[in-house]
C-alpha cells in the first residue's frame, strides 16, 4: 500500500509518499480503507523524533481515521465489510489502509462526510476525557479553555456547552468569532491582555471551576489564581515549556485545588475503549442532529502533507487540518 513515511527525523520536508507493508488485522481488529485522516500535534513531535509510538503500535504517523471496512478479524461481530467507521488509533493513519480495534471504531453518522468524521476522534475524545473524566465538569460551572480555537479547544467548547457550563477561552483575536459562535461566553486575546485579569474581572473575582491547559509552565501561576475553591486544573500539553520558576504551593492547599496531567495515546486499550463508548453515548446522536460538529480549518490531499505540517507548526489553523487519502 501507499503510506506517508518519515525519511529521517526533522522538518516537514522529511515526509515522503512511499510504499509500505499493508497491515493484517488481528481477530479483534478491522482493516479499514482510509478515506481521510487528520493532523495532531503528536504527529509533528513524532516526525521530529521526539514522540515515539507506544510499544506495538504502527510506526506510521496518524492517530485518527475515517474509512470503509475492507476486512474484519475472525472475532469481530459489530461491523461488516463495507461499513463506514471512524476512530482513534495509536498510529498508522497516514496510509491507504489501517487497522483499528473493533471496540474503538464508531459508525460514521449519515450526515457527516469522511472528511468531517476524520476530524472528530482525537480532539473530541481528548476534550471529553479532560472535561468529564478528569475535570468532572458540572452544569452551571465555569470552565476556561486555553487555545480555544485549536482542534481540542473547539471540541471542548461544544462539549462544555452541551453539559451546561459557562465557557471562557483564550485565543488570538482573529479566532474569537469562531469560539463565540460555538458557545463560548467570552474570548480573551492572550496576546493583548492578561487572561487572569480578564477572568477575575468577568467572574467578579470568583474565578472558574475548571481549566483545560496546553501551555503549562508560563500559565501555571495565573491558572492557579484563576481557580476558585475546589477548582481543577487539567494539563494536556506543555507547548510553552514545562518549568515554573517560582510558585507558592500553599495556594493549592488553601483553595483545595486538584492539578492533573494526562495523555491519551499511552493509555491502555481498556481505558480507550471505555472512553470511546462514553463519548459515543454522549455525542453520536448530537453529531447526527448537528448540535455537535467537527470544526475543519482545511482539507488537503495527503500528498500535500508537508504543507499541512508547516501550516500547523505556524499555528495558522482554526480547528482541524484534514488529509484526504481517497
Protein backbone atom coordinates (compact mmCIF):
# COMPACT_ATOMS: atom_id res chain seq x y z
CA UNK A 1 0.00 0.00 0.00
CA UNK A 2 0.99 3.65 -0.19
CA UNK A 3 1.79 5.50 3.03
CA UNK A 4 3.44 8.68 4.28
CA UNK A 5 6.85 7.86 5.74
CA UNK A 6 9.34 9.94 7.71
CA UNK A 7 12.59 9.80 5.74
CA UNK A 8 14.55 10.82 8.82
CA UNK A 9 13.63 12.86 11.93
CA UNK A 10 13.36 16.51 11.07
CA UNK A 11 11.13 19.07 9.40
CA UNK A 12 8.03 18.57 7.24
CA UNK A 13 10.26 18.15 4.17
CA UNK A 14 11.17 14.71 5.56
CA UNK A 15 7.65 13.41 4.87
CA UNK A 16 7.50 11.28 1.73
CA UNK A 17 4.83 9.23 -0.02
CA UNK A 18 6.15 5.70 -0.49
CA UNK A 19 5.31 2.01 -0.31
CA UNK A 20 4.74 0.25 3.00
CA UNK A 21 3.54 -3.18 4.04
CA UNK A 22 -0.23 -3.36 4.36
CA UNK A 23 -1.32 -4.26 7.91
CA UNK A 24 -3.08 -7.55 8.64
CA UNK A 25 -5.97 -7.34 11.13
CA UNK A 26 -5.84 -9.42 14.29
CA UNK A 27 -9.01 -11.32 15.31
CA UNK A 28 -10.44 -8.29 17.16
CA UNK A 29 -9.37 -5.71 14.55
CA UNK A 30 -10.88 -4.17 11.44
CA UNK A 31 -8.90 -3.42 8.29
CA UNK A 32 -10.09 -0.02 7.08
CA UNK A 33 -9.63 1.51 3.64
CA UNK A 34 -8.71 5.00 4.77
CA UNK A 35 -10.59 7.85 3.13
CA UNK A 36 -9.33 10.62 5.42
CA UNK A 37 -7.06 11.23 8.38
CA UNK A 38 -6.22 14.39 10.32
CA UNK A 39 -3.23 16.16 11.83
CA UNK A 40 -2.42 16.31 15.53
CA UNK A 41 0.42 17.92 17.46
CA UNK A 42 1.66 14.43 18.28
CA UNK A 43 2.30 13.89 14.55
CA UNK A 44 4.63 16.90 14.47
CA UNK A 45 6.55 15.67 17.52
CA UNK A 46 6.83 12.11 16.19
CA UNK A 47 8.08 13.43 12.85
CA UNK A 48 10.81 15.29 14.75
CA UNK A 49 11.79 12.13 16.62
CA UNK A 50 10.51 13.49 19.95
CA UNK A 51 7.42 11.31 20.47
CA UNK A 52 7.93 7.64 19.65
CA UNK A 53 4.79 5.50 19.25
CA UNK A 54 3.77 3.16 22.09
CA UNK A 55 5.13 -0.38 22.07
CA UNK A 56 3.36 -2.48 19.46
CA UNK A 57 1.82 0.49 17.64
CA UNK A 58 2.33 1.25 13.97
CA UNK A 59 5.40 3.44 13.39
CA UNK A 60 3.43 5.44 10.81
CA UNK A 61 2.01 8.85 11.71
CA UNK A 62 -1.71 9.35 12.08
CA UNK A 63 -3.89 8.97 15.18
CA UNK A 64 -7.36 9.01 13.63
CA UNK A 65 -9.12 7.82 10.51
CA UNK A 66 -12.42 7.61 8.72
CA UNK A 67 -12.98 5.00 6.06
CA UNK A 68 -14.67 1.85 4.84
CA UNK A 69 -14.12 -1.61 6.30
CA UNK A 70 -12.16 -3.79 3.87
CA UNK A 71 -11.84 -6.86 6.09
CA UNK A 72 -12.79 -7.93 9.59
CA UNK A 73 -10.92 -10.17 12.02
CA UNK A 74 -12.42 -13.52 12.95
CA UNK A 75 -13.60 -12.29 16.39
CA UNK A 76 -15.31 -9.15 15.07
CA UNK A 77 -19.11 -9.11 15.36
CA UNK A 78 -20.24 -5.48 15.44
CA UNK A 79 -19.36 -4.38 11.90
CA UNK A 80 -19.16 -5.94 8.45
CA UNK A 81 -17.20 -5.30 5.26
CA UNK A 82 -18.40 -2.10 3.61
CA UNK A 83 -19.48 -0.34 6.81
CA UNK A 84 -18.21 3.21 7.27
CA UNK A 85 -16.37 3.78 10.54
CA UNK A 86 -14.11 6.32 12.23
CA UNK A 87 -12.00 6.23 15.33
CA UNK A 88 -8.80 6.72 17.27
CA UNK A 89 -5.55 4.88 16.51
CA UNK A 90 -2.22 4.56 18.30
CA UNK A 91 -0.60 5.14 14.89
CA UNK A 92 -0.88 4.26 11.22
CA UNK A 93 -3.45 6.72 9.90
CA UNK A 94 -1.28 8.26 7.17
CA UNK A 95 -1.82 5.28 4.86
CA UNK A 96 -4.21 3.72 2.38
CA UNK A 97 -5.11 1.02 4.91
CA UNK A 98 -5.07 0.96 8.70
CA UNK A 99 -6.22 -1.43 11.42
CA UNK A 100 -8.41 -0.39 14.32
CA UNK A 101 -9.67 -2.33 17.31
CA UNK A 102 -13.35 -3.04 16.62
CA UNK A 103 -14.26 -1.72 20.07
CA UNK A 104 -12.60 1.60 19.19
CA UNK A 105 -14.49 2.05 15.90
CA UNK A 106 -17.57 4.27 15.75
CA UNK A 107 -20.15 4.33 12.94
CA UNK A 108 -19.92 7.40 10.71
CA UNK A 109 -23.12 9.44 11.20
CA UNK A 110 -25.11 9.55 7.97
CA UNK A 111 -24.99 13.35 7.79
CA UNK A 112 -21.20 13.57 8.00
CA UNK A 113 -18.62 13.23 5.24
CA UNK A 114 -15.49 11.15 5.66
CA UNK A 115 -13.50 14.38 5.99
CA UNK A 116 -15.74 15.50 8.85
CA UNK A 117 -15.65 12.12 10.59
CA UNK A 118 -11.85 12.03 10.46
CA UNK A 119 -11.76 15.38 12.29
CA UNK A 120 -13.61 14.04 15.34
CA UNK A 121 -11.85 11.20 17.21
CA UNK A 122 -8.68 12.58 18.76
CA UNK A 123 -9.95 16.03 19.67
CA UNK A 124 -13.37 15.04 20.98
CA UNK A 125 -12.02 12.06 22.94
CA UNK A 126 -9.27 14.25 24.42
CA UNK A 127 -11.69 17.04 25.27
CA UNK A 128 -14.26 14.64 26.75
CA UNK A 129 -11.59 12.95 28.87
CA UNK A 130 -10.37 16.32 30.16
CA UNK A 131 -13.77 17.87 30.84
CA UNK A 132 -15.76 14.89 32.10
CA UNK A 133 -13.50 12.05 33.24
CA UNK A 134 -10.78 14.22 34.80
CA UNK A 135 -12.36 17.63 35.26
CA UNK A 136 -15.78 16.41 36.43
CA UNK A 137 -17.37 19.46 34.84
CA UNK A 138 -20.94 20.09 36.00
CA UNK A 139 -23.80 22.18 34.66
CA UNK A 140 -23.61 25.84 35.73
CA UNK A 141 -19.88 25.62 36.47
CA UNK A 142 -17.33 27.83 34.73
CA UNK A 143 -14.54 26.42 32.57
CA UNK A 144 -11.56 28.17 30.96
CA UNK A 145 -10.24 26.50 27.81
CA UNK A 146 -6.85 27.70 26.63
CA UNK A 147 -6.15 27.52 22.87
CA UNK A 148 -9.88 27.67 22.31
CA UNK A 149 -9.58 27.72 18.52
CA UNK A 150 -7.45 24.56 18.36
CA UNK A 151 -8.95 21.21 17.47
CA UNK A 152 -9.31 20.14 21.10
CA UNK A 153 -10.37 23.65 22.05
CA UNK A 154 -13.25 23.82 19.57
CA UNK A 155 -14.38 20.36 20.69
CA UNK A 156 -14.15 21.34 24.37
CA UNK A 157 -16.24 24.48 23.85
CA UNK A 158 -19.06 22.46 22.31
CA UNK A 159 -18.95 19.65 24.87
CA UNK A 160 -18.88 22.10 27.79
CA UNK A 161 -21.81 24.00 26.26
CA UNK A 162 -23.79 20.75 25.98
CA UNK A 163 -23.03 19.97 29.63
CA UNK A 164 -24.45 23.36 30.54
CA UNK A 165 -21.26 25.09 31.68
CA UNK A 166 -20.18 28.68 31.14
CA UNK A 167 -17.17 28.67 28.80
CA UNK A 168 -14.26 31.11 28.64
CA UNK A 169 -11.44 30.73 26.15
CA UNK A 170 -8.10 32.22 25.21
CA UNK A 171 -7.33 32.62 21.51
CA UNK A 172 -5.83 35.13 19.11
CA UNK A 173 -8.25 37.91 18.19
CA UNK A 174 -8.82 36.65 14.64
CA UNK A 175 -10.22 33.39 16.04
CA UNK A 176 -12.64 34.86 18.59
CA UNK A 177 -15.72 34.80 16.35
CA UNK A 178 -15.37 31.05 15.82
CA UNK A 179 -15.10 30.39 19.54
CA UNK A 180 -18.07 32.59 20.40
CA UNK A 181 -20.21 31.02 17.67
CA UNK A 182 -19.52 27.59 19.15
CA UNK A 183 -20.81 28.65 22.54
CA UNK A 184 -18.02 30.44 24.41
CA UNK A 185 -19.25 33.16 26.75
CA UNK A 186 -16.12 35.24 26.37
CA UNK A 187 -12.95 35.03 24.29
CA UNK A 188 -9.73 36.60 25.58
CA UNK A 189 -6.89 37.71 23.32
CA UNK A 190 -3.90 36.25 25.16
CA UNK A 191 -1.55 38.42 23.10
CA UNK A 192 -3.15 41.69 24.17
CA UNK A 193 -4.41 41.11 27.70
CA UNK A 194 -3.80 39.15 30.87
CA UNK A 195 -6.21 36.24 30.89
CA UNK A 196 -6.05 36.19 34.69
CA UNK A 197 -7.18 39.80 34.97
CA UNK A 198 -9.92 39.25 32.39
CA UNK A 199 -11.24 36.09 34.05
CA UNK A 200 -11.27 37.59 37.54
CA UNK A 201 -12.93 40.77 36.32
CA UNK A 202 -15.68 38.99 34.41
CA UNK A 203 -16.37 36.49 37.19
CA UNK A 204 -16.45 39.21 39.86
CA UNK A 205 -13.17 37.89 41.35
CA UNK A 206 -14.63 34.41 41.84
CA UNK A 207 -12.69 32.62 39.11
CA UNK A 208 -13.53 29.40 37.30
CA UNK A 209 -14.11 25.81 38.42
CA UNK A 210 -12.04 24.07 35.75
CA UNK A 211 -9.17 24.99 33.42
CA UNK A 212 -8.03 22.95 30.40
CA UNK A 213 -4.47 23.97 29.52
CA UNK A 214 -1.94 23.09 26.81
CA UNK A 215 0.68 25.75 27.64
CA UNK A 216 1.76 24.66 31.16
CA UNK A 217 4.82 26.49 32.56
CA UNK A 218 4.15 30.14 31.64
CA UNK A 219 0.46 29.86 32.52
CA UNK A 220 0.68 27.80 35.70
CA UNK A 221 0.71 30.55 38.34
CA UNK A 222 -2.06 32.55 36.65
CA UNK A 223 -4.11 29.38 36.17
CA UNK A 224 -3.94 28.69 39.91
CA UNK A 225 -5.01 32.27 40.66
CA UNK A 226 -7.96 31.90 38.27
CA UNK A 227 -9.35 28.83 40.02
CA UNK A 228 -12.00 29.14 42.69
CA UNK A 229 -12.32 26.97 45.80
CA UNK A 230 -12.17 23.24 44.92
CA UNK A 231 -11.12 24.10 41.37
CA UNK A 232 -9.45 21.68 38.96
CA UNK A 233 -6.59 22.20 36.51
CA UNK A 234 -6.06 19.65 33.72
CA UNK A 235 -2.75 19.87 31.83
CA UNK A 236 -2.76 18.26 28.38
CA UNK A 237 0.49 19.57 26.90
CA UNK A 238 3.45 21.83 27.63
CA UNK A 239 3.67 23.93 24.48
CA UNK A 240 5.06 26.88 26.46
CA UNK A 241 7.56 24.82 28.43
CA UNK A 242 7.44 22.53 31.41
CA UNK A 243 9.13 24.57 34.13
CA UNK A 244 7.80 27.06 36.69
CA UNK A 245 10.46 29.37 38.13
CA UNK A 246 8.68 30.15 41.40
CA UNK A 247 5.34 29.15 42.83
CA UNK A 248 3.82 29.14 46.29
CA UNK A 249 2.32 25.67 46.73
CA UNK A 250 0.23 26.88 49.64
CA UNK A 251 -2.23 28.33 47.14
CA UNK A 252 -3.15 24.78 46.12
CA UNK A 253 -3.70 23.81 49.74
CA UNK A 254 -5.69 26.88 50.71
CA UNK A 255 -8.12 26.56 47.79
CA UNK A 256 -8.21 22.71 47.89
CA UNK A 257 -7.23 22.54 44.22
CA UNK A 258 -6.65 19.49 42.06
CA UNK A 259 -3.85 19.60 39.44
CA UNK A 260 -3.89 16.77 36.91
CA UNK A 261 -1.88 15.85 33.85
CA UNK A 262 -2.92 13.43 31.15
CA UNK A 263 -2.14 11.98 27.75
CA UNK A 264 -4.41 9.70 25.73
CA UNK A 265 -2.18 7.84 23.29
CA UNK A 266 -0.31 5.95 26.02
CA UNK A 267 -3.47 4.85 27.83
CA UNK A 268 -4.40 1.17 27.96
CA UNK A 269 -6.74 -0.41 25.42
CA UNK A 270 -9.44 -0.86 28.07
CA UNK A 271 -9.25 2.80 29.05
CA UNK A 272 -9.52 3.97 25.45
CA UNK A 273 -12.38 1.57 24.75
CA UNK A 274 -14.37 2.80 27.76
CA UNK A 275 -13.69 6.42 26.82
CA UNK A 276 -14.82 5.76 23.23
CA UNK A 277 -18.02 4.14 24.48
CA UNK A 278 -18.74 7.04 26.83
CA UNK A 279 -18.16 9.64 24.13
CA UNK A 280 -20.30 7.65 21.67
CA UNK A 281 -23.19 7.56 24.13
CA UNK A 282 -22.91 11.29 24.79
CA UNK A 283 -22.04 12.62 21.35
CA UNK A 284 -23.07 10.44 18.38
CA UNK A 285 -26.71 11.48 18.42
CA UNK A 286 -25.62 15.08 18.89
CA UNK A 287 -23.42 14.78 15.79
CA UNK A 288 -26.39 13.35 13.87
CA UNK A 289 -28.61 16.24 14.94
CA UNK A 290 -25.96 18.87 14.26
CA UNK A 291 -25.68 20.04 17.87
CA UNK A 292 -22.04 18.94 17.78
CA UNK A 293 -19.85 19.35 14.73
CA UNK A 294 -16.20 18.93 13.83
CA UNK A 295 -14.52 22.24 13.07
CA UNK A 296 -12.35 21.90 9.98
CA UNK A 297 -9.84 24.56 9.02
CA UNK A 298 -8.75 22.97 5.75
CA UNK A 299 -8.77 19.76 3.74
CA UNK A 300 -5.64 18.89 1.76
CA UNK A 301 -4.70 15.98 -0.45
CA UNK A 302 -2.46 13.70 1.57
CA UNK A 303 0.33 14.21 -0.95
CA UNK A 304 0.45 17.78 0.40
CA UNK A 305 1.21 16.51 3.91
CA UNK A 306 4.38 18.60 4.25
CA UNK A 307 2.40 21.77 3.53
CA UNK A 308 -0.13 20.70 6.15
CA UNK A 309 2.58 20.19 8.77
CA UNK A 310 4.15 23.59 8.02
CA UNK A 311 0.70 25.18 8.36
CA UNK A 312 0.03 23.61 11.77
CA UNK A 313 3.51 24.46 13.05
CA UNK A 314 2.80 28.11 12.21
CA UNK A 315 -0.38 27.96 14.36
CA UNK A 316 -2.48 29.22 11.47
CA UNK A 317 -5.30 26.71 11.77
CA UNK A 318 -8.66 27.19 13.47
CA UNK A 319 -9.91 23.68 14.08
CA UNK A 320 -8.68 20.55 12.33
CA UNK A 321 -6.45 20.05 9.30
CA UNK A 322 -7.69 17.00 7.36
CA UNK A 323 -5.74 14.90 4.86
CA UNK A 324 -7.89 13.30 2.17
CA UNK A 325 -6.45 9.94 1.19
CA UNK A 326 -9.02 8.85 -1.42
